[in-house]
């Protein structure tokens, strides 16, 4: 039995190294997939953030345009009031 003991010990050692390598490789693949999923989720988050900021910018521009129209209307009314006051004097 002594002559086969080292053979069995070598096979067991080789099997343990092989099992450890396979385990390490599977953990590496899982981590890589998890990283890709997190990056994809992050990309989706940034896309939603960009979309919401573009909507907000569009609303600001619309509000500025509306205010510009109202300001022009007020200027027109002020001009007519000034003209009326000049005529009264």
Protein backbone atom coordinates (compact mmCIF):
# COMPACT_ATOMS: atom_id res chain seq x y z
CA UNK A 1 0.00 0.00 0.00
CA UNK A 2 2.96 2.32 0.58
CA UNK A 3 3.89 2.26 -3.09
CA UNK A 4 0.41 3.47 -4.11
CA UNK A 5 0.06 5.98 -1.27
CA UNK A 6 2.09 8.69 -3.01
CA UNK A 7 0.22 8.07 -6.25
CA UNK A 8 -3.13 8.54 -4.53
CA UNK A 9 -1.80 11.55 -2.66
CA UNK A 10 -0.59 13.08 -5.94
CA UNK A 11 -3.94 12.43 -7.61
CA UNK A 12 -5.80 13.97 -4.67
CA UNK A 13 -3.50 17.00 -4.69
CA UNK A 14 -3.96 17.40 -8.46
CA UNK A 15 -7.73 17.05 -8.08
CA UNK A 16 -7.79 19.74 -5.35
CA UNK A 17 -5.72 22.14 -7.48
CA UNK A 18 -8.00 21.50 -10.45
CA UNK A 19 -11.11 22.03 -8.32
CA UNK A 20 -9.66 25.27 -6.91
CA UNK A 21 -8.84 26.53 -10.41
CA UNK A 22 -12.34 25.80 -11.69
CA UNK A 23 -13.86 27.53 -8.66
CA UNK A 24 -11.66 30.61 -9.12
CA UNK A 25 -12.51 30.73 -12.83
CA UNK A 26 -16.27 30.51 -12.17
CA UNK A 27 -16.05 33.28 -9.55
CA UNK A 28 -14.14 35.46 -12.02
CA UNK A 29 -16.80 34.93 -14.69
CA UNK A 30 -19.60 35.75 -12.21
CA UNK A 31 -17.83 38.95 -11.15
CA UNK A 32 -17.33 39.95 -14.79
CA UNK A 33 -21.02 39.41 -15.55
CA UNK A 34 -22.04 41.33 -12.43
CA UNK A 35 -19.76 44.22 -13.45
CA UNK A 36 -21.31 44.29 -16.93
CA UNK A 37 -24.81 44.34 -15.45
CA UNK A 38 -23.90 47.17 -13.10
CA UNK A 39 -22.35 49.14 -15.96
CA UNK A 40 -25.49 48.61 -18.05
CA UNK A 41 -27.67 49.81 -15.17
CA UNK A 42 -25.40 52.81 -14.72
CA UNK A 43 -25.65 53.60 -18.44
CA UNK A 44 -29.45 53.41 -18.22
CA UNK A 45 -29.38 55.73 -15.21
CA UNK A 46 -27.27 58.27 -17.08
CA UNK A 47 -29.55 58.04 -20.12
CA UNK A 48 -32.59 58.77 -17.92
CA UNK A 49 -30.71 61.62 -16.26
CA UNK A 50 -29.82 63.13 -19.63
CA UNK A 51 -33.41 62.75 -20.83
CA UNK A 52 -34.82 64.46 -17.74
CA UNK A 53 -32.30 67.29 -17.96
CA UNK A 54 -33.18 67.81 -21.64
CA UNK A 55 -36.88 67.96 -20.71
CA UNK A 56 -36.12 70.48 -17.99
CA UNK A 57 -34.04 72.57 -20.40
CA UNK A 58 -36.87 72.47 -22.94
CA UNK A 59 -39.33 73.68 -20.29
CA UNK A 60 -36.98 76.52 -19.32
CA UNK A 61 -36.66 77.62 -22.95
CA UNK A 62 -40.45 77.53 -23.38
CA UNK A 63 -40.87 79.62 -20.23
CA UNK A 64 -38.30 82.14 -21.45
CA UNK A 65 -40.05 82.41 -24.81
CA UNK A 66 -43.38 82.95 -23.07
CA UNK A 67 -41.86 85.65 -20.84
CA UNK A 68 -40.28 87.33 -23.87
CA UNK A 69 -43.69 87.47 -25.58
CA UNK A 70 -45.30 88.95 -22.48
CA UNK A 71 -42.48 91.50 -22.16
CA UNK A 72 -42.96 92.59 -25.77
CA UNK A 73 -46.69 92.95 -25.13
CA UNK A 74 -46.01 95.07 -22.02
CA UNK A 75 -43.56 97.24 -23.97
CA UNK A 76 -46.20 97.80 -26.63
CA UNK A 77 -48.76 98.78 -24.04
CA UNK A 78 -46.26 101.08 -22.30
CA UNK A 79 -45.46 102.75 -25.60
CA UNK A 80 -49.15 103.36 -26.25
CA UNK A 81 -49.63 104.75 -22.71
CA UNK A 82 -46.63 107.08 -23.18
CA UNK A 83 -48.03 108.21 -26.50
CA UNK A 84 -51.42 108.85 -24.89
CA UNK A 85 -49.81 110.85 -22.08
CA UNK A 86 -47.87 112.98 -24.57
CA UNK A 87 -51.07 113.74 -26.44
CA UNK A 88 -52.83 114.74 -23.23
CA UNK A 89 -50.07 117.21 -22.24
